[in-house]
PDB file of N, CA and C in Angstrom:
ATOM      1  N   MET A   1       3.993  15.197   7.340  1.00  0.00           N
ATOM      2  CA  MET A   1       3.147  14.117   6.850  1.00  0.00           C
ATOM      3  C   MET A   1       3.379  12.631   7.409  1.00  0.00           C
ATOM      4  N   GLU A   2       2.523  11.893   7.925  1.00  0.00           N
ATOM      5  CA  GLU A   2       2.952  10.809   8.400  1.00  0.00           C
ATOM      6  C   GLU A   2       2.046   9.450   7.592  1.00  0.00           C
ATOM      7  N   ILE A   3       2.844   8.421   7.839  1.00  0.00           N
ATOM      8  CA  ILE A   3       2.387   7.087   6.824  1.00  0.00           C
ATOM      9  C   ILE A   3       2.170   6.420   8.291  1.00  0.00           C
ATOM     10  N   LEU A   4       0.844   5.782   8.299  1.00  0.00           N
ATOM     11  CA  LEU A   4       0.664   4.531   9.369  1.00  0.00           C
ATOM     12  C   LEU A   4      -0.126   3.433   8.898  1.00  0.00           C
ATOM     13  N   PHE A   5       0.206   2.338   9.506  1.00  0.00           N
ATOM     14  CA  PHE A   5      -0.189   0.947   9.290  1.00  0.00           C
ATOM     15  C   PHE A   5      -1.295   0.734  10.227  1.00  0.00           C
ATOM     16  N   GLU A   6      -2.726   0.591   9.678  1.00  0.00           N
ATOM     17  CA  GLU A   6      -3.666   0.168  10.997  1.00  0.00           C
ATOM     18  C   GLU A   6      -4.123  -1.131  10.465  1.00  0.00           C
ATOM     19  N   GLU A   7      -3.552  -2.232  11.281  1.00  0.00           N
ATOM     20  CA  GLU A   7      -3.957  -3.678  11.066  1.00  0.00           C
ATOM     21  C   GLU A   7      -5.410  -3.781  11.101  1.00  0.00           C
ATOM     22  N   ALA A   8      -6.136  -3.299  12.048  1.00  0.00           N
ATOM     23  CA  ALA A   8      -7.260  -3.492  12.551  1.00  0.00           C
ATOM     24  C   ALA A   8      -8.259  -3.195  11.242  1.00  0.00           C
ATOM     25  N   ASN A   9      -7.667  -1.979  10.597  1.00  0.00           N
ATOM     26  CA  ASN A   9      -8.456  -1.452   9.464  1.00  0.00           C
ATOM     27  C   ASN A   9      -8.233  -2.078   8.063  1.00  0.00           C
ATOM     28  N   GLU A  10      -7.224  -2.827   8.017  1.00  0.00           N
ATOM     29  CA  GLU A  10      -6.656  -3.409   6.961  1.00  0.00           C
ATOM     30  C   GLU A  10      -6.205  -2.390   6.107  1.00  0.00           C
ATOM     31  N   ARG A  11      -5.630  -1.263   6.401  1.00  0.00           N
ATOM     32  CA  ARG A  11      -4.879  -0.435   5.469  1.00  0.00           C
ATOM     33  C   ARG A  11      -4.154   0.488   5.983  1.00  0.00           C
ATOM     34  N   SER A  12      -3.271   1.274   5.324  1.00  0.00           N
ATOM     35  CA  SER A  12      -2.269   2.254   5.379  1.00  0.00           C
ATOM     36  C   SER A  12      -3.048   3.525   5.231  1.00  0.00           C
ATOM     37  N   VAL A  13      -2.717   4.548   6.037  1.00  0.00           N
ATOM     38  CA  VAL A  13      -3.267   5.570   5.770  1.00  0.00           C
ATOM     39  C   VAL A  13      -2.190   6.962   6.094  1.00  0.00           C
ATOM     40  N   ALA A  14      -2.557   7.840   5.345  1.00  0.00           N
ATOM     41  CA  ALA A  14      -1.453   9.341   5.168  1.00  0.00           C
ATOM     42  C   ALA A  14      -2.030  10.084   5.999  1.00  0.00           C
ATOM     43  N   LEU A  15      -1.267  10.970   6.839  1.00  0.00           N
ATOM     44  CA  LEU A  15      -1.981  12.157   7.883  1.00  0.00           C
ATOM     45  C   LEU A  15      -1.422  13.318   7.938  1.00  0.00           C
ATOM     46  N   ASP A  16      -1.790  14.477   7.460  1.00  0.00           N
ATOM     47  CA  ASP A  16      -0.991  15.642   7.015  1.00  0.00           C
ATOM     48  C   ASP A  16      -1.725  16.467   8.405  1.00  0.00           C
ATOM     49  N   GLY A  17      -0.854  16.481   9.493  1.00  0.00           N
ATOM     50  CA  GLY A  17      -1.169  17.476  10.854  1.00  0.00           C
ATOM     51  C   GLY A  17      -2.477  16.677  11.326  1.00  0.00           C
ATOM     52  N   GLY A  18      -2.727  15.322  11.242  1.00  0.00           N
ATOM     53  CA  GLY A  18      -4.095  14.492  11.820  1.00  0.00           C
ATOM     54  C   GLY A  18      -5.098  14.890  10.714  1.00  0.00           C
ATOM     55  N   LYS A  19      -5.166  15.261   9.566  1.00  0.00           N
ATOM     56  CA  LYS A  19      -6.006  14.966   8.568  1.00  0.00           C
ATOM     57  C   LYS A  19      -5.877  13.902   7.654  1.00  0.00           C
ATOM     58  N   GLU A  20      -6.725  13.133   7.465  1.00  0.00           N
ATOM     59  CA  GLU A  20      -6.505  11.863   6.724  1.00  0.00           C
ATOM     60  C   GLU A  20      -6.420  12.574   5.190  1.00  0.00           C
ATOM     61  N   ILE A  21      -5.289  12.243   4.391  1.00  0.00           N
ATOM     62  CA  ILE A  21      -5.297  12.616   3.079  1.00  0.00           C
ATOM     63  C   ILE A  21      -5.227  11.410   2.213  1.00  0.00           C
ATOM     64  N   GLY A  22      -5.067  10.457   2.688  1.00  0.00           N
ATOM     65  CA  GLY A  22      -4.778   9.173   1.856  1.00  0.00           C
ATOM     66  C   GLY A  22      -5.184   7.700   2.539  1.00  0.00           C
ATOM     67  N   GLU A  23      -5.091   6.776   1.637  1.00  0.00           N
ATOM     68  CA  GLU A  23      -5.307   5.476   2.110  1.00  0.00           C
ATOM     69  C   GLU A  23      -4.769   4.549   1.157  1.00  0.00           C
ATOM     70  N   CYS A  24      -4.664   2.911   1.618  1.00  0.00           N
ATOM     71  CA  CYS A  24      -4.419   2.028   0.831  1.00  0.00           C
ATOM     72  C   CYS A  24      -4.728   0.990   1.698  1.00  0.00           C
ATOM     73  N   THR A  25      -5.762   0.047   0.896  1.00  0.00           N
ATOM     74  CA  THR A  25      -6.423  -0.898   1.680  1.00  0.00           C
ATOM     75  C   THR A  25      -5.994  -2.119   1.091  1.00  0.00           C
ATOM     76  N   PHE A  26      -6.272  -3.329   1.950  1.00  0.00           N
ATOM     77  CA  PHE A  26      -5.643  -4.536   1.738  1.00  0.00           C
ATOM     78  C   PHE A  26      -6.553  -5.447   2.359  1.00  0.00           C
ATOM     79  N   ILE A  27      -6.526  -6.878   2.174  1.00  0.00           N
ATOM     80  CA  ILE A  27      -7.199  -7.997   2.483  1.00  0.00           C
ATOM     81  C   ILE A  27      -6.003  -8.855   2.742  1.00  0.00           C
ATOM     82  N   SER A  28      -5.972  -9.472   4.205  1.00  0.00           N
ATOM     83  CA  SER A  28      -5.064 -10.312   4.603  1.00  0.00           C
ATOM     84  C   SER A  28      -5.567 -11.801   4.965  1.00  0.00           C
ATOM     85  N   SER A  29      -4.981 -12.541   4.274  1.00  0.00           N
ATOM     86  CA  SER A  29      -5.447 -14.053   4.216  1.00  0.00           C
ATOM     87  C   SER A  29      -4.141 -14.995   4.606  1.00  0.00           C
ATOM     88  N   GLY A  30      -3.870 -15.520   5.335  1.00  0.00           N
ATOM     89  CA  GLY A  30      -2.764 -16.655   5.536  1.00  0.00           C
ATOM     90  C   GLY A  30      -1.755 -15.839   5.243  1.00  0.00           C
ATOM     91  N   ASP A  31      -0.827 -16.488   4.090  1.00  0.00           N
ATOM     92  CA  ASP A  31       0.199 -16.078   3.652  1.00  0.00           C
ATOM     93  C   ASP A  31       0.379 -15.308   2.562  1.00  0.00           C
ATOM     94  N   LYS A  32      -0.780 -14.274   2.324  1.00  0.00           N
ATOM     95  CA  LYS A  32      -1.182 -13.278   1.403  1.00  0.00           C
ATOM     96  C   LYS A  32      -1.782 -12.313   1.696  1.00  0.00           C
ATOM     97  N   CYS A  33      -1.319 -11.107   1.159  1.00  0.00           N
ATOM     98  CA  CYS A  33      -2.151  -9.788   1.516  1.00  0.00           C
ATOM     99  C   CYS A  33      -2.582  -9.264   0.092  1.00  0.00           C
ATOM    100  N   THR A  34      -3.626  -8.975  -0.292  1.00  0.00           N
ATOM    101  CA  THR A  34      -4.050  -8.414  -1.523  1.00  0.00           C
ATOM    102  C   THR A  34      -4.525  -7.050  -1.553  1.00  0.00           C
ATOM    103  N   ILE A  35      -3.458  -6.283  -1.993  1.00  0.00           N
ATOM    104  CA  ILE A  35      -3.897  -4.615  -2.304  1.00  0.00           C
ATOM    105  C   ILE A  35      -4.757  -4.439  -2.960  1.00  0.00           C
ATOM    106  N   ASN A  36      -6.282  -3.831  -2.498  1.00  0.00           N
ATOM    107  CA  ASN A  36      -7.171  -3.826  -3.604  1.00  0.00           C
ATOM    108  C   ASN A  36      -7.634  -2.181  -3.596  1.00  0.00           C
ATOM    109  N   HIS A  37      -7.199  -1.347  -2.730  1.00  0.00           N
ATOM    110  CA  HIS A  37      -7.314   0.369  -3.536  1.00  0.00           C
ATOM    111  C   HIS A  37      -6.409   1.254  -2.908  1.00  0.00           C
ATOM    112  N   THR A  38      -6.357   2.331  -3.476  1.00  0.00           N
ATOM    113  CA  THR A  38      -5.604   3.267  -2.917  1.00  0.00           C
ATOM    114  C   THR A  38      -5.898   4.609  -3.581  1.00  0.00           C
ATOM    115  N   PHE A  39      -5.818   5.485  -2.680  1.00  0.00           N
ATOM    116  CA  PHE A  39      -6.515   7.052  -2.565  1.00  0.00           C
ATOM    117  C   PHE A  39      -5.544   7.949  -2.218  1.00  0.00           C
ATOM    118  N   VAL A  40      -5.531   8.964  -2.696  1.00  0.00           N
ATOM    119  CA  VAL A  40      -4.819  10.225  -2.395  1.00  0.00           C
ATOM    120  C   VAL A  40      -5.569  11.439  -2.425  1.00  0.00           C
ATOM    121  N   GLU A  41      -5.917  12.361  -1.826  1.00  0.00           N
ATOM    122  CA  GLU A  41      -6.563  13.506  -2.012  1.00  0.00           C
ATOM    123  C   GLU A  41      -5.972  14.161  -3.328  1.00  0.00           C
ATOM    124  N   PRO A  42      -6.924  14.617  -4.040  1.00  0.00           N
ATOM    125  CA  PRO A  42      -6.486  15.411  -5.343  1.00  0.00           C
ATOM    126  C   PRO A  42      -5.179  16.387  -4.833  1.00  0.00           C
ATOM    127  N   THR A  43      -5.540  17.147  -4.054  1.00  0.00           N
ATOM    128  CA  THR A  43      -4.558  18.274  -3.601  1.00  0.00           C
ATOM    129  C   THR A  43      -3.023  17.843  -3.318  1.00  0.00           C
ATOM    130  N   TYR A  44      -3.001  16.601  -2.910  1.00  0.00           N
ATOM    131  CA  TYR A  44      -1.513  16.071  -2.427  1.00  0.00           C
ATOM    132  C   TYR A  44      -1.085  15.006  -3.490  1.00  0.00           C
ATOM    133  N   GLU A  45      -1.806  15.033  -4.708  1.00  0.00           N
ATOM    134  CA  GLU A  45      -1.202  13.874  -5.766  1.00  0.00           C
ATOM    135  C   GLU A  45      -0.013  14.303  -6.254  1.00  0.00           C
ATOM    136  N   GLY A  46       0.584  13.798  -6.873  1.00  0.00           N
ATOM    137  CA  GLY A  46       2.022  14.012  -7.302  1.00  0.00           C
ATOM    138  C   GLY A  46       3.153  14.132  -6.352  1.00  0.00           C
ATOM    139  N   ARG A  47       2.967  13.579  -5.179  1.00  0.00           N
ATOM    140  CA  ARG A  47       4.157  13.700  -3.982  1.00  0.00           C
ATOM    141  C   ARG A  47       4.390  12.275  -3.802  1.00  0.00           C
ATOM    142  N   GLY A  48       4.291  11.293  -4.350  1.00  0.00           N
ATOM    143  CA  GLY A  48       4.489  10.039  -3.911  1.00  0.00           C
ATOM    144  C   GLY A  48       3.933   9.624  -2.877  1.00  0.00           C
ATOM    145  N   ILE A  49       3.145   9.871  -2.425  1.00  0.00           N
ATOM    146  CA  ILE A  49       2.192   9.204  -1.311  1.00  0.00           C
ATOM    147  C   ILE A  49       1.831   8.228  -1.429  1.00  0.00           C
ATOM    148  N   ALA A  50       1.148   7.942  -2.746  1.00  0.00           N
ATOM    149  CA  ALA A  50       0.398   6.719  -2.967  1.00  0.00           C
ATOM    150  C   ALA A  50       1.722   5.403  -2.854  1.00  0.00           C
ATOM    151  N   ARG A  51       2.821   5.752  -3.543  1.00  0.00           N
ATOM    152  CA  ARG A  51       4.004   4.777  -3.261  1.00  0.00           C
ATOM    153  C   ARG A  51       4.452   4.571  -1.831  1.00  0.00           C
ATOM    154  N   GLN A  52       4.230   5.486  -1.061  1.00  0.00           N
ATOM    155  CA  GLN A  52       4.623   5.278   0.364  1.00  0.00           C
ATOM    156  C   GLN A  52       3.480   4.539   1.138  1.00  0.00           C
ATOM    157  N   LEU A  53       2.404   4.676   0.605  1.00  0.00           N
ATOM    158  CA  LEU A  53       1.190   4.075   1.344  1.00  0.00           C
ATOM    159  C   LEU A  53       1.439   2.363   1.117  1.00  0.00           C
ATOM    160  N   VAL A  54       1.482   2.170  -0.254  1.00  0.00           N
ATOM    161  CA  VAL A  54       2.031   0.975  -0.495  1.00  0.00           C
ATOM    162  C   VAL A  54       3.095   0.377   0.003  1.00  0.00           C
ATOM    163  N   GLU A  55       4.243   0.880  -0.055  1.00  0.00           N
ATOM    164  CA  GLU A  55       5.210   0.497   0.591  1.00  0.00           C
ATOM    165  C   GLU A  55       4.955  -0.070   2.015  1.00  0.00           C
ATOM    166  N   LYS A  56       4.347   0.687   2.768  1.00  0.00           N
ATOM    167  CA  LYS A  56       4.025   0.297   4.033  1.00  0.00           C
ATOM    168  C   LYS A  56       3.511  -0.949   4.317  1.00  0.00           C
ATOM    169  N   ILE A  57       2.646  -1.103   3.426  1.00  0.00           N
ATOM    170  CA  ILE A  57       1.837  -2.450   3.406  1.00  0.00           C
ATOM    171  C   ILE A  57       2.880  -3.603   3.076  1.00  0.00           C
ATOM    172  N   ILE A  58       3.625  -3.102   2.118  1.00  0.00           N
ATOM    173  CA  ILE A  58       4.750  -4.231   1.674  1.00  0.00           C
ATOM    174  C   ILE A  58       5.683  -4.428   2.524  1.00  0.00           C
ATOM    175  N   ASP A  59       6.048  -3.257   3.533  1.00  0.00           N
ATOM    176  CA  ASP A  59       7.169  -3.734   4.494  1.00  0.00           C
ATOM    177  C   ASP A  59       6.611  -4.671   5.565  1.00  0.00           C
ATOM    178  N   VAL A  60       5.119  -4.410   6.045  1.00  0.00           N
ATOM    179  CA  VAL A  60       4.955  -5.299   6.880  1.00  0.00           C
ATOM    180  C   VAL A  60       4.809  -6.670   6.272  1.00  0.00           C
ATOM    181  N   ALA A  61       4.205  -6.902   5.103  1.00  0.00           N
ATOM    182  CA  ALA A  61       4.332  -8.264   4.348  1.00  0.00           C
ATOM    183  C   ALA A  61       5.403  -8.815   4.628  1.00  0.00           C
ATOM    184  N   ARG A  62       6.366  -8.042   4.231  1.00  0.00           N
ATOM    185  CA  ARG A  62       7.959  -8.815   4.236  1.00  0.00           C
ATOM    186  C   ARG A  62       8.343  -9.410   5.357  1.00  0.00           C
ATOM    187  N   GLU A  63       8.072  -8.489   6.636  1.00  0.00           N
ATOM    188  CA  GLU A  63       8.152  -8.759   7.863  1.00  0.00           C
ATOM    189  C   GLU A  63       7.303 -10.106   8.474  1.00  0.00           C
ATOM    190  N   ARG A  64       6.259 -10.263   7.830  1.00  0.00           N
ATOM    191  CA  ARG A  64       5.324 -11.576   7.937  1.00  0.00           C
ATOM    192  C   ARG A  64       5.555 -12.629   7.159  1.00  0.00           C
ATOM    193  N   ASN A  65       6.502 -12.524   6.232  1.00  0.00           N
ATOM    194  CA  ASN A  65       6.787 -13.365   5.246  1.00  0.00           C
ATOM    195  C   ASN A  65       5.635 -13.707   4.313  1.00  0.00           C
ATOM    196  N   GLN A  66       4.851 -12.722   4.180  1.00  0.00           N
ATOM    197  CA  GLN A  66       3.649 -12.589   3.147  1.00  0.00           C
ATOM    198  C   GLN A  66       3.841 -12.569   1.585  1.00  0.00           C
ATOM    199  N   LYS A  67       3.349 -12.738   0.944  1.00  0.00           N
ATOM    200  CA  LYS A  67       3.119 -12.376  -0.714  1.00  0.00           C
ATOM    201  C   LYS A  67       2.008 -11.424  -0.667  1.00  0.00           C
ATOM    202  N   VAL A  68       2.578 -10.460  -1.675  1.00  0.00           N
ATOM    203  CA  VAL A  68       1.486  -9.310  -1.939  1.00  0.00           C
ATOM    204  C   VAL A  68       0.929  -9.497  -3.422  1.00  0.00           C
ATOM    205  N   ALA A  69      -0.409  -9.291  -3.408  1.00  0.00           N
ATOM    206  CA  ALA A  69      -1.229  -9.507  -4.812  1.00  0.00           C
ATOM    207  C   ALA A  69      -1.546  -8.015  -4.779  1.00  0.00           C
ATOM    208  N   ALA A  70      -2.184  -7.955  -6.082  1.00  0.00           N
ATOM    209  CA  ALA A  70      -2.756  -6.361  -6.209  1.00  0.00           C
ATOM    210  C   ALA A  70      -3.993  -6.591  -7.283  1.00  0.00           C
ATOM    211  N   THR A  71      -5.326  -5.988  -6.792  1.00  0.00           N
ATOM    212  CA  THR A  71      -6.612  -5.728  -7.595  1.00  0.00           C
ATOM    213  C   THR A  71      -6.439  -4.695  -7.919  1.00  0.00           C
ATOM    214  N   CYS A  72      -5.850  -3.265  -7.257  1.00  0.00           N
ATOM    215  CA  CYS A  72      -5.943  -1.893  -7.442  1.00  0.00           C
ATOM    216  C   CYS A  72      -5.109  -1.789  -8.771  1.00  0.00           C
ATOM    217  N   PRO A  73      -5.714  -0.897  -9.546  1.00  0.00           N
ATOM    218  CA  PRO A  73      -4.943  -0.803 -10.848  1.00  0.00           C
ATOM    219  C   PRO A  73      -3.375   0.187 -10.595  1.00  0.00           C
ATOM    220  N   TYR A  74      -3.530   1.198  -9.466  1.00  0.00           N
ATOM    221  CA  TYR A  74      -2.076   1.916  -9.400  1.00  0.00           C
ATOM    222  C   TYR A  74      -1.028   0.575  -9.093  1.00  0.00           C
ATOM    223  N   VAL A  75      -1.498  -0.268  -7.826  1.00  0.00           N
ATOM    224  CA  VAL A  75      -0.474  -1.458  -7.682  1.00  0.00           C
ATOM    225  C   VAL A  75       0.034  -2.306  -8.612  1.00  0.00           C
ATOM    226  N   VAL A  76      -0.934  -2.324  -9.506  1.00  0.00           N
ATOM    227  CA  VAL A  76      -0.444  -3.462 -10.345  1.00  0.00           C
ATOM    228  C   VAL A  76       0.207  -2.698 -11.486  1.00  0.00           C
ATOM    229  N   ALA A  77       0.260  -1.746 -11.731  1.00  0.00           N
ATOM    230  CA  ALA A  77       1.082  -0.827 -12.467  1.00  0.00           C
ATOM    231  C   ALA A  77       2.355  -0.535 -12.146  1.00  0.00           C
ATOM    232  N   LEU A  78       2.348  -0.430 -10.876  1.00  0.00           N
ATOM    233  CA  LEU A  78       3.636  -0.180  -9.827  1.00  0.00           C
ATOM    234  C   LEU A  78       4.584  -1.439  -9.958  1.00  0.00           C
ATOM    235  N   PHE A  79       3.770  -2.870  -9.738  1.00  0.00           N
ATOM    236  CA  PHE A  79       4.428  -3.948  -9.807  1.00  0.00           C
ATOM    237  C   PHE A  79       5.036  -4.199 -11.252  1.00  0.00           C
ATOM    238  N   GLN A  80       4.333  -3.691 -12.159  1.00  0.00           N
ATOM    239  CA  GLN A  80       4.678  -3.909 -13.644  1.00  0.00           C
ATOM    240  C   GLN A  80       6.158  -2.861 -13.935  1.00  0.00           C
ATOM    241  N   LYS A  81       5.850  -1.612 -13.380  1.00  0.00           N
ATOM    242  CA  LYS A  81       7.174  -0.538 -13.696  1.00  0.00           C
ATOM    243  C   LYS A  81       8.329  -0.861 -13.087  1.00  0.00           C
ATOM    244  N   THR A  82       8.402  -1.904 -11.964  1.00  0.00           N
ATOM    245  CA  THR A  82       9.688  -1.830 -10.837  1.00  0.00           C
ATOM    246  C   THR A  82       9.765  -3.218 -10.450  1.00  0.00           C
ATOM    247  N   ASP A  83      11.129  -3.637 -10.260  1.00  0.00           N
ATOM    248  CA  ASP A  83      11.097  -5.275  -9.936  1.00  0.00           C
ATOM    249  C   ASP A  83      11.700  -4.783  -8.372  1.00  0.00           C
ATOM    250  N   LYS A  84      11.745  -3.630  -7.627  1.00  0.00           N
ATOM    251  CA  LYS A  84      11.961  -3.519  -6.613  1.00  0.00           C
ATOM    252  C   LYS A  84      10.966  -4.333  -5.258  1.00  0.00           C
ATOM    253  N   TYR A  85      10.058  -4.873  -5.841  1.00  0.00           N
ATOM    254  CA  TYR A  85       8.935  -5.532  -5.072  1.00  0.00           C
ATOM    255  C   TYR A  85       8.795  -6.953  -5.650  1.00  0.00           C
ATOM    256  N   ASP A  86       9.802  -7.540  -6.122  1.00  0.00           N
ATOM    257  CA  ASP A  86       9.733  -8.698  -7.000  1.00  0.00           C
ATOM    258  C   ASP A  86       9.608  -9.844  -5.931  1.00  0.00           C
ATOM    259  N   ASP A  87      10.305  -9.893  -4.557  1.00  0.00           N
ATOM    260  CA  ASP A  87      10.503 -11.060  -3.779  1.00  0.00           C
ATOM    261  C   ASP A  87       9.333 -10.825  -3.124  1.00  0.00           C
ATOM    262  N   VAL A  88       8.133 -10.204  -3.133  1.00  0.00           N
ATOM    263  CA  VAL A  88       7.217 -10.198  -2.556  1.00  0.00           C
ATOM    264  C   VAL A  88       5.840 -10.551  -3.424  1.00  0.00           C
ATOM    265  N   ALA A  89       5.985  -9.583  -4.623  1.00  0.00           N
ATOM    266  CA  ALA A  89       4.674  -9.534  -5.704  1.00  0.00           C
ATOM    267  C   ALA A  89       4.205 -10.477  -6.323  1.00  0.00           C
ATOM    268  N   VAL A  90       3.046 -10.706  -6.363  1.00  0.00           N
ATOM    269  CA  VAL A  90       2.319 -11.721  -6.947  1.00  0.00           C
ATOM    270  C   VAL A  90       1.811 -11.175  -8.115  1.00  0.00           C
ATOM    271  N   LYS A  91       2.491 -11.532  -9.220  1.00  0.00           N
ATOM    272  CA  LYS A  91       2.309 -10.590 -10.592  1.00  0.00           C
ATOM    273  C   LYS A  91       1.412 -11.569 -11.353  1.00  0.00           C
TER     274      LYS A  91
END
């Protein structure tokens, strides 16, 4: 499995042998990035793929000194569950 960052499409994408199995979309504006959707194919759920998709976007945001907000319920819950993203998360 591979996680890619697609800036032009404003998303990270999970691929399994070239087949798209998940994505996390965002809107970037200046010094802030807002994650608005996360999806993983049901047969791939429970493997940590959604978190990897989110972390790919967060890694890029850190490199760019951007803050990360969330309207996606999964990411809102993730930000509340751990302090691992406190350096970039807008809660």
